[in-house]
Amino acid sequence: MTIGSSIFLIAVGAILRYAVTASVSGIDLQVVGLILMIAGVVGLIIGLFMLTQSRMGGDGGGTGGGGYGDPPPRA
């Protein structure tokens, strides 16, 4: 889940939780809004965590080497 979609879920959940006064039989819109907000916050935390991990150098290349910053091999 991207950061943008997480913020979208939080916004839609907040609208359902606090702004909608309509009632639907069998569905509590305030609870649905709360669930959407919680899912959005969890997705935002995971997205930010993954973003910071990728910026810290977690390229997933393992311990091998052979990157652009390595010196050329000696002949």
PDB file of N, CA and C in Angstrom:
ATOM      1  N   MET A   1       0.858  -1.171   0.000  1.00  0.00           N
ATOM      2  CA  MET A   1       0.000   0.000   0.000  1.00  0.00           C
ATOM      3  C   MET A   1       0.903   1.233   0.000  1.00  0.00           C
ATOM      4  N   THR A   2       0.621   2.151  -0.878  1.00  0.00           N
ATOM      5  CA  THR A   2       1.438   3.347  -0.962  1.00  0.00           C
ATOM      6  C   THR A   2       0.989   4.376   0.066  1.00  0.00           C
ATOM      7  N   ILE A   3       1.798   5.383   0.224  1.00  0.00           N
ATOM      8  CA  ILE A   3       1.489   6.429   1.196  1.00  0.00           C
ATOM      9  C   ILE A   3       0.248   7.201   0.767  1.00  0.00           C
ATOM     10  N   GLY A   4       0.106   7.427  -0.521  1.00  0.00           N
ATOM     11  CA  GLY A   4      -1.063   8.155  -1.021  1.00  0.00           C
ATOM     12  C   GLY A   4      -2.368   7.418  -0.780  1.00  0.00           C
ATOM     13  N   SER A   5      -2.360   6.121  -1.016  1.00  0.00           N
ATOM     14  CA  SER A   5      -3.582   5.351  -0.773  1.00  0.00           C
ATOM     15  C   SER A   5      -3.884   5.241   0.713  1.00  0.00           C
ATOM     16  N   SER A   6      -2.851   5.236   1.550  1.00  0.00           N
ATOM     17  CA  SER A   6      -3.077   5.219   2.992  1.00  0.00           C
ATOM     18  C   SER A   6      -3.745   6.511   3.460  1.00  0.00           C
ATOM     19  N   ILE A   7      -3.274   7.626   2.951  1.00  0.00           N
ATOM     20  CA  ILE A   7      -3.882   8.909   3.302  1.00  0.00           C
ATOM     21  C   ILE A   7      -5.314   8.977   2.787  1.00  0.00           C
ATOM     22  N   PHE A   8      -5.560   8.412   1.609  1.00  0.00           N
ATOM     23  CA  PHE A   8      -6.917   8.362   1.067  1.00  0.00           C
ATOM     24  C   PHE A   8      -7.835   7.551   1.974  1.00  0.00           C
ATOM     25  N   LEU A   9      -7.361   6.389   2.447  1.00  0.00           N
ATOM     26  CA  LEU A   9      -8.170   5.576   3.355  1.00  0.00           C
ATOM     27  C   LEU A   9      -8.467   6.307   4.657  1.00  0.00           C
ATOM     28  N   ILE A  10      -7.481   7.023   5.170  1.00  0.00           N
ATOM     29  CA  ILE A  10      -7.695   7.787   6.404  1.00  0.00           C
ATOM     30  C   ILE A  10      -8.748   8.862   6.177  1.00  0.00           C
ATOM     31  N   ALA A  11      -8.670   9.544   5.038  1.00  0.00           N
ATOM     32  CA  ALA A  11      -9.629  10.618   4.754  1.00  0.00           C
ATOM     33  C   ALA A  11     -11.047  10.070   4.570  1.00  0.00           C
ATOM     34  N   VAL A  12     -11.189   8.996   3.819  1.00  0.00           N
ATOM     35  CA  VAL A  12     -12.517   8.413   3.617  1.00  0.00           C
ATOM     36  C   VAL A  12     -13.073   7.882   4.929  1.00  0.00           C
ATOM     37  N   GLY A  13     -12.212   7.261   5.728  1.00  0.00           N
ATOM     38  CA  GLY A  13     -12.653   6.758   7.024  1.00  0.00           C
ATOM     39  C   GLY A  13     -13.097   7.868   7.954  1.00  0.00           C
ATOM     40  N   ALA A  14     -12.369   8.986   7.936  1.00  0.00           N
ATOM     41  CA  ALA A  14     -12.751  10.112   8.790  1.00  0.00           C
ATOM     42  C   ALA A  14     -14.075  10.719   8.336  1.00  0.00           C
ATOM     43  N   ILE A  15     -14.291  10.771   7.037  1.00  0.00           N
ATOM     44  CA  ILE A  15     -15.568  11.285   6.533  1.00  0.00           C
ATOM     45  C   ILE A  15     -16.709  10.386   6.978  1.00  0.00           C
ATOM     46  N   LEU A  16     -16.528   9.077   6.826  1.00  0.00           N
ATOM     47  CA  LEU A  16     -17.585   8.158   7.255  1.00  0.00           C
ATOM     48  C   LEU A  16     -17.800   8.198   8.761  1.00  0.00           C
ATOM     49  N   ARG A  17     -16.735   8.351   9.498  1.00  0.00           N
ATOM     50  CA  ARG A  17     -16.835   8.310  10.965  1.00  0.00           C
ATOM     51  C   ARG A  17     -17.478   9.575  11.527  1.00  0.00           C
ATOM     52  N   TYR A  18     -17.074  10.740  11.021  1.00  0.00           N
ATOM     53  CA  TYR A  18     -17.473  11.984  11.672  1.00  0.00           C
ATOM     54  C   TYR A  18     -18.467  12.839  10.891  1.00  0.00           C
ATOM     55  N   ALA A  19     -18.578  12.652   9.568  1.00  0.00           N
ATOM     56  CA  ALA A  19     -19.403  13.571   8.790  1.00  0.00           C
ATOM     57  C   ALA A  19     -20.708  12.955   8.287  1.00  0.00           C
ATOM     58  N   VAL A  20     -20.759  11.661   8.137  1.00  0.00           N
ATOM     59  CA  VAL A  20     -21.951  11.027   7.589  1.00  0.00           C
ATOM     60  C   VAL A  20     -22.919  10.711   8.726  1.00  0.00           C
ATOM     61  N   THR A  21     -24.140  11.183   8.562  1.00  0.00           N
ATOM     62  CA  THR A  21     -25.157  10.926   9.594  1.00  0.00           C
ATOM     63  C   THR A  21     -26.220   9.955   9.103  1.00  0.00           C
ATOM     64  N   ALA A  22     -26.109   9.503   7.866  1.00  0.00           N
ATOM     65  CA  ALA A  22     -27.089   8.564   7.322  1.00  0.00           C
ATOM     66  C   ALA A  22     -26.916   7.197   7.972  1.00  0.00           C
ATOM     67  N   SER A  23     -27.962   6.422   7.933  1.00  0.00           N
ATOM     68  CA  SER A  23     -27.883   5.072   8.491  1.00  0.00           C
ATOM     69  C   SER A  23     -28.297   4.072   7.421  1.00  0.00           C
ATOM     70  N   VAL A  24     -27.580   2.970   7.396  1.00  0.00           N
ATOM     71  CA  VAL A  24     -27.865   1.884   6.473  1.00  0.00           C
ATOM     72  C   VAL A  24     -28.192   0.664   7.314  1.00  0.00           C
ATOM     73  N   SER A  25     -29.253  -0.039   6.962  1.00  0.00           N
ATOM     74  CA  SER A  25     -29.639  -1.192   7.767  1.00  0.00           C
ATOM     75  C   SER A  25     -28.609  -2.304   7.612  1.00  0.00           C
ATOM     76  N   GLY A  26     -28.114  -2.791   8.728  1.00  0.00           N
ATOM     77  CA  GLY A  26     -27.147  -3.879   8.734  1.00  0.00           C
ATOM     78  C   GLY A  26     -25.702  -3.441   8.710  1.00  0.00           C
ATOM     79  N   ILE A  27     -25.433  -2.163   8.458  1.00  0.00           N
ATOM     80  CA  ILE A  27     -24.058  -1.668   8.397  1.00  0.00           C
ATOM     81  C   ILE A  27     -23.954  -0.415   9.261  1.00  0.00           C
ATOM     82  N   ASP A  28     -22.998  -0.401  10.169  1.00  0.00           N
ATOM     83  CA  ASP A  28     -22.738   0.786  10.984  1.00  0.00           C
ATOM     84  C   ASP A  28     -21.622   1.577  10.306  1.00  0.00           C
ATOM     85  N   LEU A  29     -21.972   2.700   9.682  1.00  0.00           N
ATOM     86  CA  LEU A  29     -21.003   3.465   8.906  1.00  0.00           C
ATOM     87  C   LEU A  29     -19.888   4.053   9.759  1.00  0.00           C
ATOM     88  N   GLN A  30     -20.172   4.348  11.015  1.00  0.00           N
ATOM     89  CA  GLN A  30     -19.135   4.863  11.892  1.00  0.00           C
ATOM     90  C   GLN A  30     -18.066   3.806  12.169  1.00  0.00           C
ATOM     91  N   VAL A  31     -18.486   2.553  12.311  1.00  0.00           N
ATOM     92  CA  VAL A  31     -17.524   1.472  12.528  1.00  0.00           C
ATOM     93  C   VAL A  31     -16.716   1.219  11.263  1.00  0.00           C
ATOM     94  N   VAL A  32     -17.362   1.277  10.109  1.00  0.00           N
ATOM     95  CA  VAL A  32     -16.646   1.120   8.845  1.00  0.00           C
ATOM     96  C   VAL A  32     -15.612   2.235   8.689  1.00  0.00           C
ATOM     97  N   GLY A  33     -15.981   3.455   9.055  1.00  0.00           N
ATOM     98  CA  GLY A  33     -15.037   4.567   8.996  1.00  0.00           C
ATOM     99  C   GLY A  33     -13.858   4.368   9.920  1.00  0.00           C
ATOM    100  N   LEU A  34     -14.109   3.860  11.107  1.00  0.00           N
ATOM    101  CA  LEU A  34     -13.026   3.595  12.056  1.00  0.00           C
ATOM    102  C   LEU A  34     -12.091   2.518  11.522  1.00  0.00           C
ATOM    103  N   ILE A  35     -12.652   1.471  10.942  1.00  0.00           N
ATOM    104  CA  ILE A  35     -11.827   0.399  10.376  1.00  0.00           C
ATOM    105  C   ILE A  35     -10.967   0.930   9.233  1.00  0.00           C
ATOM    106  N   LEU A  36     -11.536   1.772   8.387  1.00  0.00           N
ATOM    107  CA  LEU A  36     -10.766   2.349   7.289  1.00  0.00           C
ATOM    108  C   LEU A  36      -9.648   3.248   7.800  1.00  0.00           C
ATOM    109  N   MET A  37      -9.922   4.019   8.838  1.00  0.00           N
ATOM    110  CA  MET A  37      -8.877   4.872   9.398  1.00  0.00           C
ATOM    111  C   MET A  37      -7.750   4.041   9.998  1.00  0.00           C
ATOM    112  N   ILE A  38      -8.087   2.973  10.702  1.00  0.00           N
ATOM    113  CA  ILE A  38      -7.059   2.114  11.292  1.00  0.00           C
ATOM    114  C   ILE A  38      -6.229   1.455  10.186  1.00  0.00           C
ATOM    115  N   ALA A  39      -6.881   0.962   9.141  1.00  0.00           N
ATOM    116  CA  ALA A  39      -6.154   0.348   8.027  1.00  0.00           C
ATOM    117  C   ALA A  39      -5.248   1.366   7.338  1.00  0.00           C
ATOM    118  N   GLY A  40      -5.715   2.600   7.208  1.00  0.00           N
ATOM    119  CA  GLY A  40      -4.895   3.639   6.601  1.00  0.00           C
ATOM    120  C   GLY A  40      -3.680   3.991   7.436  1.00  0.00           C
ATOM    121  N   VAL A  41      -3.853   4.058   8.751  1.00  0.00           N
ATOM    122  CA  VAL A  41      -2.719   4.375   9.634  1.00  0.00           C
ATOM    123  C   VAL A  41      -1.694   3.245   9.599  1.00  0.00           C
ATOM    124  N   VAL A  42      -2.166   1.999   9.642  1.00  0.00           N
ATOM    125  CA  VAL A  42      -1.244   0.862   9.582  1.00  0.00           C
ATOM    126  C   VAL A  42      -0.497   0.853   8.245  1.00  0.00           C
ATOM    127  N   GLY A  43      -1.204   1.087   7.162  1.00  0.00           N
ATOM    128  CA  GLY A  43      -0.561   1.155   5.853  1.00  0.00           C
ATOM    129  C   GLY A  43       0.430   2.303   5.753  1.00  0.00           C
ATOM    130  N   LEU A  44       0.111   3.429   6.356  1.00  0.00           N
ATOM    131  CA  LEU A  44       1.024   4.576   6.341  1.00  0.00           C
ATOM    132  C   LEU A  44       2.295   4.263   7.123  1.00  0.00           C
ATOM    133  N   ILE A  45       2.153   3.624   8.270  1.00  0.00           N
ATOM    134  CA  ILE A  45       3.329   3.263   9.066  1.00  0.00           C
ATOM    135  C   ILE A  45       4.211   2.279   8.305  1.00  0.00           C
ATOM    136  N   ILE A  46       3.598   1.280   7.686  1.00  0.00           N
ATOM    137  CA  ILE A  46       4.372   0.304   6.918  1.00  0.00           C
ATOM    138  C   ILE A  46       5.033   0.972   5.712  1.00  0.00           C
ATOM    139  N   GLY A  47       4.316   1.841   5.025  1.00  0.00           N
ATOM    140  CA  GLY A  47       4.874   2.537   3.871  1.00  0.00           C
ATOM    141  C   GLY A  47       6.042   3.435   4.238  1.00  0.00           C
ATOM    142  N   LEU A  48       5.920   4.163   5.342  1.00  0.00           N
ATOM    143  CA  LEU A  48       7.022   5.015   5.784  1.00  0.00           C
ATOM    144  C   LEU A  48       8.215   4.189   6.236  1.00  0.00           C
ATOM    145  N   PHE A  49       7.958   3.057   6.883  1.00  0.00           N
ATOM    146  CA  PHE A  49       9.042   2.176   7.302  1.00  0.00           C
ATOM    147  C   PHE A  49       9.796   1.638   6.094  1.00  0.00           C
ATOM    148  N   MET A  50       9.062   1.205   5.075  1.00  0.00           N
ATOM    149  CA  MET A  50       9.713   0.686   3.878  1.00  0.00           C
ATOM    150  C   MET A  50      10.465   1.779   3.130  1.00  0.00           C
ATOM    151  N   LEU A  51       9.941   2.987   3.144  1.00  0.00           N
ATOM    152  CA  LEU A  51      10.613   4.100   2.485  1.00  0.00           C
ATOM    153  C   LEU A  51      11.927   4.433   3.173  1.00  0.00           C
ATOM    154  N   THR A  52      11.918   4.451   4.501  1.00  0.00           N
ATOM    155  CA  THR A  52      13.156   4.754   5.215  1.00  0.00           C
ATOM    156  C   THR A  52      14.168   3.623   5.069  1.00  0.00           C
ATOM    157  N   GLN A  53      13.706   2.377   4.994  1.00  0.00           N
ATOM    158  CA  GLN A  53      14.632   1.262   4.807  1.00  0.00           C
ATOM    159  C   GLN A  53      15.287   1.316   3.440  1.00  0.00           C
ATOM    160  N   SER A  54      14.560   1.707   2.425  1.00  0.00           N
ATOM    161  CA  SER A  54      15.148   1.766   1.091  1.00  0.00           C
ATOM    162  C   SER A  54      16.116   2.936   0.963  1.00  0.00           C
ATOM    163  N   ARG A  55      15.912   3.978   1.697  1.00  0.00           N
ATOM    164  CA  ARG A  55      16.824   5.126   1.635  1.00  0.00           C
ATOM    165  C   ARG A  55      18.074   4.923   2.467  1.00  0.00           C
ATOM    166  N   MET A  56      18.040   3.966   3.398  1.00  0.00           N
ATOM    167  CA  MET A  56      19.203   3.720   4.240  1.00  0.00           C
ATOM    168  C   MET A  56      20.190   2.765   3.581  1.00  0.00           C
ATOM    169  N   GLY A  57      19.921   2.334   2.386  1.00  0.00           N
ATOM    170  CA  GLY A  57      20.872   1.491   1.677  1.00  0.00           C
ATOM    171  C   GLY A  57      20.467   0.037   1.642  1.00  0.00           C
ATOM    172  N   GLY A  58      19.265  -0.275   1.977  1.00  0.00           N
ATOM    173  CA  GLY A  58      18.823  -1.651   1.905  1.00  0.00           C
ATOM    174  C   GLY A  58      18.479  -2.016   0.480  1.00  0.00           C
ATOM    175  N   ASP A  59      19.529  -2.234  -0.353  1.00  0.00           N
ATOM    176  CA  ASP A  59      19.289  -2.503  -1.762  1.00  0.00           C
ATOM    177  C   ASP A  59      18.951  -3.953  -2.022  1.00  0.00           C
ATOM    178  N   GLY A  60      19.077  -4.796  -1.032  1.00  0.00           N
ATOM    179  CA  GLY A  60      18.725  -6.195  -1.195  1.00  0.00           C
ATOM    180  C   GLY A  60      19.735  -6.973  -2.000  1.00  0.00           C
ATOM    181  N   GLY A  61      20.921  -6.431  -2.175  1.00  0.00           N
ATOM    182  CA  GLY A  61      21.938  -7.099  -2.973  1.00  0.00           C
ATOM    183  C   GLY A  61      22.690  -8.177  -2.223  1.00  0.00           C
ATOM    184  N   GLY A  62      22.499  -8.323  -0.960  1.00  0.00           N
ATOM    185  CA  GLY A  62      23.211  -9.324  -0.190  1.00  0.00           C
ATOM    186  C   GLY A  62      24.605  -8.850   0.165  1.00  0.00           C
ATOM    187  N   THR A  63      25.505  -9.798   0.433  1.00  0.00           N
ATOM    188  CA  THR A  63      26.863  -9.438   0.826  1.00  0.00           C
ATOM    189  C   THR A  63      27.823  -9.538  -0.327  1.00  0.00           C
ATOM    190  N   GLY A  64      27.319  -9.756  -1.522  1.00  0.00           N
ATOM    191  CA  GLY A  64      28.158 -10.000  -2.684  1.00  0.00           C
ATOM    192  C   GLY A  64      29.034  -8.836  -3.064  1.00  0.00           C
ATOM    193  N   GLY A  65      28.647  -7.740  -3.350  1.00  0.00           N
ATOM    194  CA  GLY A  65      29.504  -6.690  -3.878  1.00  0.00           C
ATOM    195  C   GLY A  65      29.217  -6.547  -5.362  1.00  0.00           C
ATOM    196  N   GLY A  66      30.149  -5.939  -6.060  1.00  0.00           N
ATOM    197  CA  GLY A  66      29.965  -5.748  -7.487  1.00  0.00           C
ATOM    198  C   GLY A  66      29.109  -4.551  -7.805  1.00  0.00           C
ATOM    199  N   GLY A  67      28.947  -3.653  -6.854  1.00  0.00           N
ATOM    200  CA  GLY A  67      28.161  -2.462  -7.102  1.00  0.00           C
ATOM    201  C   GLY A  67      28.973  -1.391  -7.777  1.00  0.00           C
ATOM    202  N   TYR A  68      28.371  -0.278  -8.064  1.00  0.00           N
ATOM    203  CA  TYR A  68      29.047   0.809  -8.751  1.00  0.00           C
ATOM    204  C   TYR A  68      30.092   1.479  -7.877  1.00  0.00           C
ATOM    205  N   GLY A  69      29.947   1.421  -6.568  1.00  0.00           N
ATOM    206  CA  GLY A  69      30.892   2.081  -5.669  1.00  0.00           C
ATOM    207  C   GLY A  69      32.128   1.245  -5.395  1.00  0.00           C
ATOM    208  N   ASP A  70      32.156   0.008  -5.860  1.00  0.00           N
ATOM    209  CA  ASP A  70      33.308  -0.863  -5.602  1.00  0.00           C
ATOM    210  C   ASP A  70      34.450  -0.522  -6.559  1.00  0.00           C
ATOM    211  N   PRO A  71      35.691  -0.697  -6.096  1.00  0.00           N
ATOM    212  CA  PRO A  71      36.832  -0.458  -7.010  1.00  0.00           C
ATOM    213  C   PRO A  71      36.897  -1.567  -8.055  1.00  0.00           C
ATOM    214  N   PRO A  72      37.528  -1.290  -9.205  1.00  0.00           N
ATOM    215  CA  PRO A  72      37.616  -2.332 -10.245  1.00  0.00           C
ATOM    216  C   PRO A  72      38.515  -3.474  -9.781  1.00  0.00           C
ATOM    217  N   PRO A  73      38.254  -4.674 -10.270  1.00  0.00           N
ATOM    218  CA  PRO A  73      39.081  -5.810  -9.855  1.00  0.00           C
ATOM    219  C   PRO A  73      40.495  -5.691 -10.420  1.00  0.00           C
ATOM    220  N   ARG A  74      41.463  -6.207  -9.666  1.00  0.00           N
ATOM    221  CA  ARG A  74      42.867  -6.179 -10.122  1.00  0.00           C
ATOM    222  C   ARG A  74      43.123  -7.350 -11.047  1.00  0.00           C
ATOM    223  N   ALA A  75      43.912  -7.098 -12.031  1.00  0.00           N
ATOM    224  CA  ALA A  75      44.231  -8.162 -13.010  1.00  0.00           C
ATOM    225  C   ALA A  75      45.418  -8.987 -12.609  1.00  0.00           C
TER     226      ALA A  75
END
